[in-house]
Amino acid sequence: MSFLIFSIILLGIELLYFRIADKLNIIDKPNERSSHTNITLRGGGIIFPIAVLSYFFINGFHDIWFVLGLILIATISFCDDLKPLSLKLRLGVHFLAILLLFYQIQLVQEPFWLICVALILCGGIINAYNFMDGINGITGGYSLVIASALGYVNFRLIPFVDSHFISFVVISFLIFNFFNFRTKAKCFAGDVGSVSSAFIILFMLGLLMLKTRDFSWICFLLVYGIDSVLTIIHRILLGENITKPHRKHLYQLLANELKIPHVCVSGVYMFVQLIVIVGYIAVRPTGYMYSWLYLFVVGSILAIFYVLIKRKWFHLHLPNFQNIMKIINKQLLDAVSTKAKHSPRLRMNYNFHPSPVDTIQRMLNAFEPGTYLRPHRHPDREEVFLVLRGKAMLFIFEDSGKVRERIILSPIDDSYGVEIPPMVWHTLWVIEPNTVIYEFKRGPYQPLTKEHFASWSPEPENSEYVQQYLQMLEKYC
């Protein structure tokens, strides 16, 4: 079958799917993770596995185990597009499909430890590829660059797969990009598209790696890899569940917060990955060691750029920095209180102000009994406490450390808050769990220095004296 005829047929299949998806309401509605604002057809990437199945039937049923794995992973992904499935079910099918792929490329003949590492790595790549599918053009465009580059390697350098297979895959990416790589996408790939494309690319890369006995070909996925791995690390540091949807990838920051058009961001990812691949192909003939050195150096450069951009612009992503109305409800108070309970200091703040230099510093402070807020004073600004829930006692001190005044802060006791003048020594003793106070004072933020803390009070590091001091305050209560 000529490629032109196949292209026309595949285009017809895509258009037919659009009609079916529209009739069955297979759509992607904007949510908290989305970078789009319009309802869009989902699952347009279904033509990726269809293209492989077409090649399979036309060319004598080659690579049966890989095709079975692709059918499995595409089916579970499409079902997930229709109705969200459990993570355990999806991962179970993913790993089964990957094992079928390993059997096809004869990776099962390698040492057991290598199979286990490859299984985890491939599972991670597939799911990272899925999470990276978040803006117009990025999945189809990035996959097109990789598949085309593999086609060049297969044709010019190291034959590792039937060239018609790559051609069928490239055609499917081109057709999908026609509808997706635009300002207003006609369709999204869906899980069936992003997961299937990752599976297909892993199949080709696996064949190439095993033929050359060189893992450095992973450089073909370097841009996605850096974004995915560093974003996972970032989310772990933030204490987030990395299996949950999010909007913290670098490409999402560029598209959502910096408002760079989707196709421009996708184009940058494609271009950078293409440059990385061209450089890798140029370096490879110099030797195995230089290929790995290139991978390390370029990966480090990309990682540095990632960190620098995130450090400069990530604050724009935070809900409290966005130009939206901030709602203070029970869910927010519970979330901050939960973090306070798990904090070694038994307290946690949630900032509403956009930056430390903001003219008004405003935040929630969640406290738990047993927290120690060292007596201190602010030299040049008032501080306002409004108790939203719970109960605490505010202590006011003389310069000598003698208690001058005690004020119960509790909505139940009709004592809602206090404004503390500058140069007044004070602290809080928390009485009830889940106490949350809304605090605001004049900015910009100024860290308290040694002279702002009462010399007659114990330092937080001295736990024994802190406990004695808290017991002393408790007697006043």
Protein backbone atom coordinates (compact mmCIF):
# COMPACT_ATOMS: atom_id res chain seq x y z
CA MET A 1 0.00 0.00 0.00
CA SER A 2 1.40 3.40 -0.95
CA PHE A 3 1.99 5.84 1.86
CA LEU A 4 -0.33 8.35 0.20
CA ILE A 5 -3.25 5.93 0.21
CA PHE A 6 -2.50 4.96 3.80
CA SER A 7 -2.37 8.63 4.80
CA ILE A 8 -5.78 9.29 3.25
CA ILE A 9 -7.30 6.25 4.96
CA LEU A 10 -5.80 7.19 8.34
CA LEU A 11 -7.05 10.76 7.92
CA GLY A 12 -10.51 9.37 7.22
CA ILE A 13 -10.32 7.21 10.34
CA GLU A 14 -9.38 10.26 12.41
CA LEU A 15 -12.29 12.28 11.01
CA LEU A 16 -14.63 9.35 11.65
CA TYR A 17 -13.41 9.17 15.24
CA PHE A 18 -14.14 12.87 15.67
CA ARG A 19 -17.78 12.23 14.70
CA ILE A 20 -18.02 9.28 17.08
CA ALA A 21 -16.33 11.17 19.94
CA ASP A 22 -18.62 14.14 19.40
CA LYS A 23 -21.71 11.93 19.39
CA LEU A 24 -20.62 9.92 22.47
CA ASN A 25 -19.40 13.03 24.30
CA ILE A 26 -15.79 11.83 24.57
CA ILE A 27 -14.48 15.24 25.54
CA ASP A 28 -11.85 16.86 27.71
CA LYS A 29 -13.33 19.41 30.10
CA PRO A 30 -10.96 21.99 31.64
CA ASN A 31 -10.01 21.15 35.24
CA GLU A 32 -7.41 22.12 37.84
CA ARG A 33 -4.64 20.46 35.83
CA SER A 34 -5.70 21.71 32.41
CA SER A 35 -3.86 24.33 30.40
CA HIS A 36 -6.83 24.81 28.08
CA THR A 37 -10.09 26.66 28.67
CA ASN A 38 -12.35 25.13 26.00
CA ILE A 39 -14.07 21.75 25.88
CA THR A 40 -12.17 19.68 23.30
CA LEU A 41 -12.52 16.20 21.80
CA ARG A 42 -10.35 13.65 23.59
CA GLY A 43 -8.63 10.56 22.24
CA GLY A 44 -7.45 11.79 18.84
CA GLY A 45 -4.20 9.90 19.45
CA ILE A 46 -6.09 6.66 18.86
CA ILE A 47 -4.68 6.72 15.34
CA PHE A 48 -1.18 5.95 16.73
CA PRO A 49 -2.00 2.33 17.67
CA ILE A 50 -4.28 2.08 14.62
CA ALA A 51 -1.30 2.96 12.40
CA VAL A 52 0.80 0.20 14.02
CA LEU A 53 -2.04 -2.31 13.67
CA SER A 54 -2.36 -1.35 9.99
CA TYR A 55 1.34 -2.03 9.50
CA PHE A 56 0.92 -5.33 11.38
CA PHE A 57 -1.85 -6.57 9.10
CA ILE A 58 -0.31 -5.29 5.87
CA ASN A 59 3.21 -6.63 6.47
CA GLY A 60 2.64 -10.21 7.53
CA PHE A 61 1.81 -10.03 11.25
CA HIS A 62 5.29 -9.14 12.48
CA ASP A 63 6.13 -8.42 16.13
CA ILE A 64 3.06 -10.13 17.56
CA TRP A 65 4.05 -9.73 21.22
CA PHE A 66 4.72 -6.02 20.84
CA VAL A 67 1.39 -5.58 19.07
CA LEU A 68 -0.44 -7.47 21.83
CA GLY A 69 1.22 -5.23 24.40
CA LEU A 70 0.22 -2.15 22.42
CA ILE A 71 -3.39 -3.34 22.19
CA LEU A 72 -3.46 -3.92 25.95
CA ILE A 73 -1.99 -0.56 26.88
CA ALA A 74 -4.01 1.37 24.29
CA THR A 75 -7.25 -0.29 25.40
CA ILE A 76 -6.78 0.42 29.11
CA SER A 77 -5.76 3.99 28.29
CA PHE A 78 -8.80 4.57 26.10
CA CYS A 79 -11.04 3.15 28.83
CA ASP A 80 -9.39 5.59 31.22
CA ASP A 81 -10.21 8.40 28.78
CA LEU A 82 -13.86 7.33 28.89
CA LYS A 83 -14.01 6.84 32.66
CA PRO A 84 -11.16 7.22 35.17
CA LEU A 85 -9.78 3.85 36.29
CA SER A 86 -7.85 2.95 39.41
CA LEU A 87 -4.10 3.57 39.41
CA LYS A 88 -3.37 -0.03 40.39
CA LEU A 89 -5.33 -1.41 37.44
CA ARG A 90 -3.65 0.91 34.96
CA LEU A 91 -0.16 0.24 36.27
CA GLY A 92 -0.81 -3.50 36.29
CA VAL A 93 -1.76 -3.46 32.61
CA HIS A 94 1.16 -1.15 31.82
CA PHE A 95 3.68 -3.54 33.36
CA LEU A 96 2.11 -6.54 31.61
CA ALA A 97 2.32 -4.72 28.27
CA ILE A 98 5.94 -3.76 28.95
CA LEU A 99 6.81 -7.40 29.70
CA LEU A 100 5.30 -8.39 26.33
CA LEU A 101 7.44 -5.70 24.71
CA PHE A 102 10.52 -7.07 26.50
CA TYR A 103 9.73 -10.56 25.22
CA GLN A 104 9.41 -9.19 21.69
CA ILE A 105 12.78 -7.43 21.70
CA GLN A 106 14.37 -10.35 23.61
CA LEU A 107 15.25 -8.29 26.65
CA VAL A 108 14.10 -11.24 28.75
CA GLN A 109 17.40 -12.91 27.89
CA GLU A 110 19.28 -10.26 29.84
CA PRO A 111 20.14 -10.54 33.59
CA PHE A 112 17.14 -10.46 35.94
CA TRP A 113 18.27 -7.27 37.68
CA LEU A 114 18.45 -5.49 34.32
CA ILE A 115 14.92 -6.61 33.45
CA CYS A 116 13.62 -5.24 36.76
CA VAL A 117 15.39 -1.90 36.27
CA ALA A 118 14.15 -1.66 32.68
CA LEU A 119 10.60 -2.49 33.78
CA ILE A 120 10.55 0.31 36.34
CA LEU A 121 12.24 2.75 33.95
CA CYS A 122 9.85 2.02 31.08
CA GLY A 123 6.83 2.29 33.38
CA GLY A 124 8.13 5.65 34.56
CA ILE A 125 8.77 6.87 31.01
CA ILE A 126 5.27 5.91 29.85
CA ASN A 127 3.58 7.69 32.74
CA ALA A 128 5.90 10.71 32.47
CA TYR A 129 5.08 10.91 28.76
CA ASN A 130 1.41 10.90 29.71
CA PHE A 131 1.85 13.69 32.28
CA MET A 132 3.82 15.74 29.75
CA ASP A 133 0.80 15.75 27.44
CA GLY A 134 -0.74 18.97 28.65
CA ILE A 135 -0.67 21.63 25.93
CA ASN A 136 -1.46 21.81 22.24
CA GLY A 137 1.15 20.19 20.02
CA ILE A 138 3.56 18.91 22.66
CA THR A 139 2.87 15.17 22.46
CA GLY A 140 2.43 14.95 18.70
CA GLY A 141 5.24 17.37 17.93
CA TYR A 142 7.76 15.87 20.34
CA SER A 143 6.94 12.33 19.22
CA LEU A 144 7.28 13.38 15.58
CA VAL A 145 10.80 14.69 16.23
CA ILE A 146 11.86 11.46 17.97
CA ALA A 147 10.27 9.13 15.40
CA SER A 148 11.78 11.10 12.49
CA ALA A 149 15.21 11.05 14.14
CA LEU A 150 14.93 7.29 14.68
CA GLY A 151 13.96 6.99 11.03
CA TYR A 152 17.16 8.81 10.07
CA VAL A 153 19.26 6.56 12.30
CA ASN A 154 17.55 3.47 10.88
CA PHE A 155 18.04 4.57 7.27
CA ARG A 156 21.49 6.19 7.42
CA LEU A 157 23.36 4.75 10.38
CA ILE A 158 22.14 1.54 12.05
CA PRO A 159 19.24 -0.46 10.60
CA PHE A 160 17.26 -1.82 13.55
CA VAL A 161 13.63 -2.00 12.39
CA ASP A 162 11.64 -2.13 9.17
CA SER A 163 11.65 1.38 7.73
CA HIS A 164 7.97 1.02 6.75
CA PHE A 165 7.09 0.66 10.42
CA ILE A 166 8.63 4.03 11.21
CA SER A 167 6.93 5.55 8.18
CA PHE A 168 3.51 4.41 9.33
CA VAL A 169 4.16 5.84 12.80
CA VAL A 170 5.44 9.17 11.43
CA ILE A 171 2.36 9.51 9.20
CA SER A 172 0.07 9.02 12.20
CA PHE A 173 1.95 11.75 14.11
CA LEU A 174 1.71 14.12 11.13
CA ILE A 175 -2.05 13.63 10.79
CA PHE A 176 -2.62 14.11 14.51
CA ASN A 177 -0.47 17.26 14.55
CA PHE A 178 -2.60 18.71 11.77
CA PHE A 179 -5.51 18.78 14.20
CA ASN A 180 -3.61 19.36 17.44
CA PHE A 181 -0.62 21.58 16.68
CA ARG A 182 -2.61 24.79 16.46
CA THR A 183 -3.78 27.61 18.69
CA LYS A 184 -7.23 26.08 19.08
CA ALA A 185 -6.82 22.33 18.91
CA LYS A 186 -9.48 20.23 17.22
CA CYS A 187 -8.64 17.29 19.49
CA PHE A 188 -6.31 16.11 22.25
CA ALA A 189 -4.32 12.89 22.19
CA GLY A 190 -5.88 11.57 25.37
CA ASP A 191 -4.24 8.82 27.41
CA VAL A 192 -4.70 6.46 24.50
CA GLY A 193 -2.49 8.73 22.39
CA SER A 194 0.20 9.79 24.85
CA VAL A 195 0.64 6.33 26.40
CA SER A 196 0.58 4.54 23.03
CA SER A 197 3.10 6.92 21.48
CA ALA A 198 5.44 6.40 24.44
CA PHE A 199 5.06 2.62 24.11
CA ILE A 200 5.81 2.72 20.38
CA ILE A 201 8.88 4.91 20.87
CA LEU A 202 10.15 2.64 23.67
CA PHE A 203 9.82 -0.31 21.30
CA MET A 204 12.00 1.38 18.69
CA LEU A 205 14.53 2.69 21.21
CA GLY A 206 14.69 -0.73 22.87
CA LEU A 207 15.53 -2.43 19.58
CA LEU A 208 18.22 0.16 18.90
CA MET A 209 19.76 -0.06 22.37
CA LEU A 210 19.90 -3.83 22.36
CA LYS A 211 21.40 -3.93 18.87
CA THR A 212 24.14 -1.43 19.74
CA ARG A 213 24.42 -2.49 23.42
CA ASP A 214 24.37 1.22 24.24
CA PHE A 215 21.85 2.79 26.63
CA SER A 216 22.95 6.34 25.84
CA TRP A 217 20.32 6.44 23.07
CA ILE A 218 18.04 7.51 25.91
CA CYS A 219 19.32 10.95 24.90
CA PHE A 220 16.44 10.91 22.39
CA LEU A 221 14.10 11.45 25.39
CA LEU A 222 16.32 13.84 27.31
CA VAL A 223 14.14 16.99 27.26
CA TYR A 224 11.05 15.17 28.50
CA GLY A 225 13.22 13.26 30.96
CA ILE A 226 14.71 16.36 32.58
CA ASP A 227 11.33 18.07 32.90
CA SER A 228 9.67 14.94 34.30
CA VAL A 229 12.38 13.89 36.78
CA LEU A 230 13.02 17.36 38.18
CA THR A 231 9.29 18.04 38.47
CA ILE A 232 8.85 14.80 40.42
CA ILE A 233 11.70 15.83 42.74
CA HIS A 234 10.13 19.28 43.14
CA ARG A 235 6.76 17.79 44.05
CA ILE A 236 8.35 15.41 46.55
CA LEU A 237 10.06 18.37 48.20
CA LEU A 238 6.67 20.12 48.35
CA GLY A 239 5.21 17.05 50.05
CA GLU A 240 2.77 16.33 47.21
CA ASN A 241 1.40 13.02 45.99
CA ILE A 242 3.29 12.51 42.73
CA THR A 243 0.57 10.26 41.32
CA LYS A 244 -2.00 13.07 41.36
CA PRO A 245 -2.59 15.45 38.42
CA HIS A 246 -0.81 18.78 38.70
CA ARG A 247 0.42 21.83 36.79
CA LYS A 248 4.02 22.07 37.90
CA HIS A 249 5.88 20.95 34.78
CA LEU A 250 8.11 23.57 33.23
CA TYR A 251 6.09 23.61 30.02
CA GLN A 252 2.94 24.28 32.07
CA LEU A 253 4.61 27.17 33.85
CA LEU A 254 5.62 28.67 30.50
CA ALA A 255 2.17 28.21 28.97
CA ASN A 256 -0.07 28.96 31.95
CA GLU A 257 1.71 31.50 34.11
CA LEU A 258 3.96 33.23 31.55
CA LYS A 259 1.20 33.07 28.92
CA ILE A 260 3.49 31.89 26.12
CA PRO A 261 1.35 30.40 23.32
CA HIS A 262 1.05 26.62 23.49
CA VAL A 263 2.43 26.01 20.02
CA CYS A 264 5.47 28.17 20.83
CA VAL A 265 6.23 26.20 23.99
CA SER A 266 5.72 22.92 22.12
CA GLY A 267 7.93 24.21 19.31
CA VAL A 268 10.70 25.05 21.79
CA TYR A 269 10.56 21.54 23.28
CA MET A 270 10.69 20.03 19.79
CA PHE A 271 13.55 22.26 18.69
CA VAL A 272 15.65 21.69 21.81
CA GLN A 273 15.17 17.91 21.60
CA LEU A 274 16.10 18.01 17.91
CA ILE A 275 19.30 19.94 18.66
CA VAL A 276 20.13 17.46 21.44
CA ILE A 277 19.65 14.53 19.04
CA VAL A 278 21.71 16.14 16.28
CA GLY A 279 24.54 16.78 18.73
CA TYR A 280 24.35 13.21 20.03
CA ILE A 281 24.50 11.73 16.53
CA ALA A 282 27.50 13.96 15.75
CA VAL A 283 29.34 12.91 18.94
CA ARG A 284 28.58 9.15 18.74
CA PRO A 285 31.29 8.26 16.21
CA THR A 286 33.96 9.60 18.61
CA GLY A 287 33.35 6.74 21.00
CA TYR A 288 31.15 5.19 23.66
CA MET A 289 32.60 7.26 26.49
CA TYR A 290 32.00 10.54 24.68
CA SER A 291 28.37 9.61 24.05
CA TRP A 292 27.81 9.25 27.79
CA LEU A 293 29.80 12.40 28.51
CA TYR A 294 27.61 14.29 26.02
CA LEU A 295 24.50 12.91 27.70
CA PHE A 296 25.73 14.04 31.12
CA VAL A 297 26.83 17.52 30.03
CA VAL A 298 23.71 18.32 28.00
CA GLY A 299 21.47 16.88 30.70
CA SER A 300 23.19 19.06 33.29
CA ILE A 301 22.76 22.17 31.14
CA LEU A 302 19.05 21.46 30.64
CA ALA A 303 18.65 20.82 34.38
CA ILE A 304 20.29 24.16 35.20
CA PHE A 305 17.96 25.99 32.83
CA TYR A 306 14.99 24.18 34.39
CA VAL A 307 16.01 25.20 37.91
CA LEU A 308 16.74 28.81 36.97
CA ILE A 309 13.40 29.28 35.23
CA LYS A 310 11.51 27.57 38.05
CA ARG A 311 13.26 29.67 40.70
CA LYS A 312 12.42 32.88 38.88
CA TRP A 313 8.83 32.21 37.87
CA PHE A 314 7.38 29.35 39.94
CA HIS A 315 5.83 31.73 42.47
CA LEU A 316 3.38 32.75 39.73
CA HIS A 317 1.98 29.22 39.81
CA LEU A 318 1.05 29.22 43.48
CA PRO A 319 -2.70 29.73 44.07
CA ASN A 320 -2.05 32.55 46.51
CA PHE A 321 -0.03 34.41 43.86
CA GLN A 322 -2.60 34.21 41.11
CA ASN A 323 -4.88 37.11 40.42
CA ILE A 324 -7.97 35.37 41.73
CA MET A 325 -10.24 35.82 44.71
CA LYS A 326 -8.89 33.94 47.73
CA ILE A 327 -11.53 31.98 49.59
CA ILE A 328 -10.90 31.11 53.22
CA ASN A 329 -13.01 28.05 53.98
CA LYS A 330 -12.93 24.99 56.21
CA GLN A 331 -11.08 22.96 53.58
CA LEU A 332 -8.24 25.48 53.52
CA LEU A 333 -8.06 25.71 57.31
CA ASP A 334 -8.04 21.92 57.61
CA ALA A 335 -5.27 21.63 55.03
CA VAL A 336 -3.03 24.13 56.81
CA SER A 337 -3.81 22.58 60.22
CA THR A 338 -2.89 19.13 58.91
CA LYS A 339 0.48 20.46 57.79
CA ALA A 340 0.95 22.08 61.19
CA LYS A 341 0.31 18.76 62.94
CA HIS A 342 3.04 17.12 60.85
CA SER A 343 5.51 19.97 61.23
CA PRO A 344 8.25 19.57 63.87
CA ARG A 345 7.41 23.10 65.05
CA LEU A 346 3.67 22.27 65.27
CA ARG A 347 2.77 25.32 63.23
CA MET A 348 2.42 26.22 59.57
CA ASN A 349 1.71 29.39 57.63
CA TYR A 350 -0.13 29.89 54.33
CA ASN A 351 0.73 33.14 52.58
CA PHE A 352 -1.78 35.19 50.63
CA HIS A 353 0.63 37.99 49.70
CA PRO A 354 2.27 37.64 46.27
CA SER A 355 5.86 38.12 47.40
CA PRO A 356 8.03 39.03 50.42
CA VAL A 357 8.24 42.60 49.13
CA ASP A 358 4.46 43.05 49.03
CA THR A 359 3.28 46.12 50.92
CA ILE A 360 0.82 44.10 53.00
CA GLN A 361 1.94 40.76 54.40
CA ARG A 362 -1.12 38.57 55.03
CA MET A 363 -1.30 34.91 55.88
CA LEU A 364 -2.93 32.11 57.79
CA ASN A 365 -1.02 30.74 60.77
CA ALA A 366 -2.09 27.30 61.98
CA PHE A 367 -0.94 26.35 65.48
CA GLU A 368 -1.12 23.19 67.55
CA PRO A 369 -0.75 22.91 71.34
CA GLY A 370 2.89 22.57 72.29
CA THR A 371 4.23 24.90 69.62
CA TYR A 372 6.73 27.47 70.81
CA LEU A 373 6.55 30.97 69.43
CA ARG A 374 9.52 32.72 71.03
CA PRO A 375 8.61 36.08 72.61
CA HIS A 376 9.53 38.85 70.19
CA ARG A 377 8.60 42.31 69.01
CA HIS A 378 8.49 44.21 65.74
CA PRO A 379 10.40 47.49 65.77
CA ASP A 380 8.40 49.58 63.31
CA ARG A 381 5.08 47.97 62.46
CA GLU A 382 1.80 46.82 63.93
CA GLU A 383 0.75 43.19 63.81
CA VAL A 384 -2.88 42.08 63.63
CA PHE A 385 -4.20 38.68 64.73
CA LEU A 386 -7.76 37.55 63.89
CA VAL A 387 -8.68 34.13 65.27
CA LEU A 388 -10.68 32.11 62.76
CA ARG A 389 -11.05 29.03 64.95
CA GLY A 390 -9.59 27.43 68.06
CA LYS A 391 -8.28 29.15 71.15
CA ALA A 392 -4.99 30.74 72.16
CA MET A 393 -3.75 33.12 74.83
CA LEU A 394 -1.75 36.19 73.87
CA PHE A 395 0.91 37.17 76.41
CA ILE A 396 2.23 40.75 76.60
CA PHE A 397 5.50 41.23 78.51
CA GLU A 398 7.46 44.00 80.20
CA ASP A 399 11.01 44.55 79.02
CA SER A 400 12.13 42.49 82.02
CA GLY A 401 10.09 39.50 80.90
CA LYS A 402 7.35 39.92 83.49
CA VAL A 403 3.88 39.14 82.18
CA ARG A 404 2.00 42.40 81.81
CA GLU A 405 -1.21 41.25 80.18
CA ARG A 406 -3.00 38.10 79.07
CA ILE A 407 -5.68 38.07 76.36
CA ILE A 408 -7.79 35.07 75.41
CA LEU A 409 -8.30 34.85 71.65
CA SER A 410 -11.28 32.67 70.77
CA PRO A 411 -14.34 33.22 68.56
CA ILE A 412 -16.42 31.14 70.98
CA ASP A 413 -15.49 33.55 73.80
CA ASP A 414 -16.33 36.58 71.64
CA SER A 415 -12.67 37.62 71.60
CA TYR A 416 -11.83 37.73 67.93
CA GLY A 417 -8.48 39.37 67.58
CA VAL A 418 -5.95 41.97 68.58
CA GLU A 419 -3.70 44.63 67.06
CA ILE A 420 -0.24 44.61 68.63
CA PRO A 421 1.65 47.94 68.51
CA PRO A 422 5.34 48.11 67.54
CA MET A 423 8.01 47.43 70.19
CA VAL A 424 5.70 45.27 72.34
CA TRP A 425 7.04 41.93 73.56
CA HIS A 426 4.51 39.18 72.90
CA THR A 427 3.94 35.49 72.29
CA LEU A 428 1.07 33.03 71.86
CA TRP A 429 0.29 30.00 73.98
CA VAL A 430 -1.99 27.66 72.03
CA ILE A 431 -4.80 26.05 74.00
CA GLU A 432 -6.87 24.10 71.46
CA PRO A 433 -5.90 21.94 68.48
CA ASN A 434 -6.62 23.22 64.96
CA THR A 435 -6.20 26.83 66.01
CA VAL A 436 -5.90 29.08 62.95
CA ILE A 437 -5.16 32.80 63.01
CA TYR A 438 -5.33 35.27 60.16
CA GLU A 439 -2.34 37.58 60.49
CA PHE A 440 -1.42 40.70 58.61
CA LYS A 441 1.12 43.45 58.96
CA ARG A 442 2.82 46.06 56.86
CA GLY A 443 5.42 44.89 54.34
CA PRO A 444 7.91 44.26 53.01
CA TYR A 445 8.88 41.18 54.95
CA GLN A 446 11.71 41.72 57.41
CA PRO A 447 13.22 38.65 59.10
CA LEU A 448 13.51 39.02 62.85
CA THR A 449 17.09 39.41 64.04
CA LYS A 450 18.61 38.50 67.40
CA GLU A 451 17.72 41.81 69.04
CA HIS A 452 14.05 41.34 68.10
CA PHE A 453 13.81 38.21 70.26
CA ALA A 454 13.54 38.49 74.03
CA SER A 455 16.88 37.65 75.63
CA TRP A 456 15.08 36.34 78.73
CA SER A 457 13.27 33.66 76.70
CA PRO A 458 14.77 30.28 75.73
CA GLU A 459 16.00 29.68 72.21
CA PRO A 460 13.92 27.12 70.24
CA GLU A 461 16.89 24.75 70.01
CA ASN A 462 17.01 24.41 73.80
CA SER A 463 14.11 21.95 74.10
CA GLU A 464 14.43 21.42 77.85
CA TYR A 465 14.13 25.12 78.69
CA VAL A 466 11.42 25.56 76.09
CA GLN A 467 9.28 22.93 77.82
CA GLN A 468 9.84 24.59 81.20
CA TYR A 469 8.91 27.97 79.73
CA LEU A 470 5.74 26.59 78.14
CA GLN A 471 4.77 25.00 81.45
CA MET A 472 5.26 28.35 83.12
CA LEU A 473 2.94 30.01 80.59
CA GLU A 474 0.41 27.24 81.05
CA LYS A 475 0.13 28.09 84.77
CA TYR A 476 -1.01 31.58 83.81
CA CYS A 477 -3.76 30.03 81.70
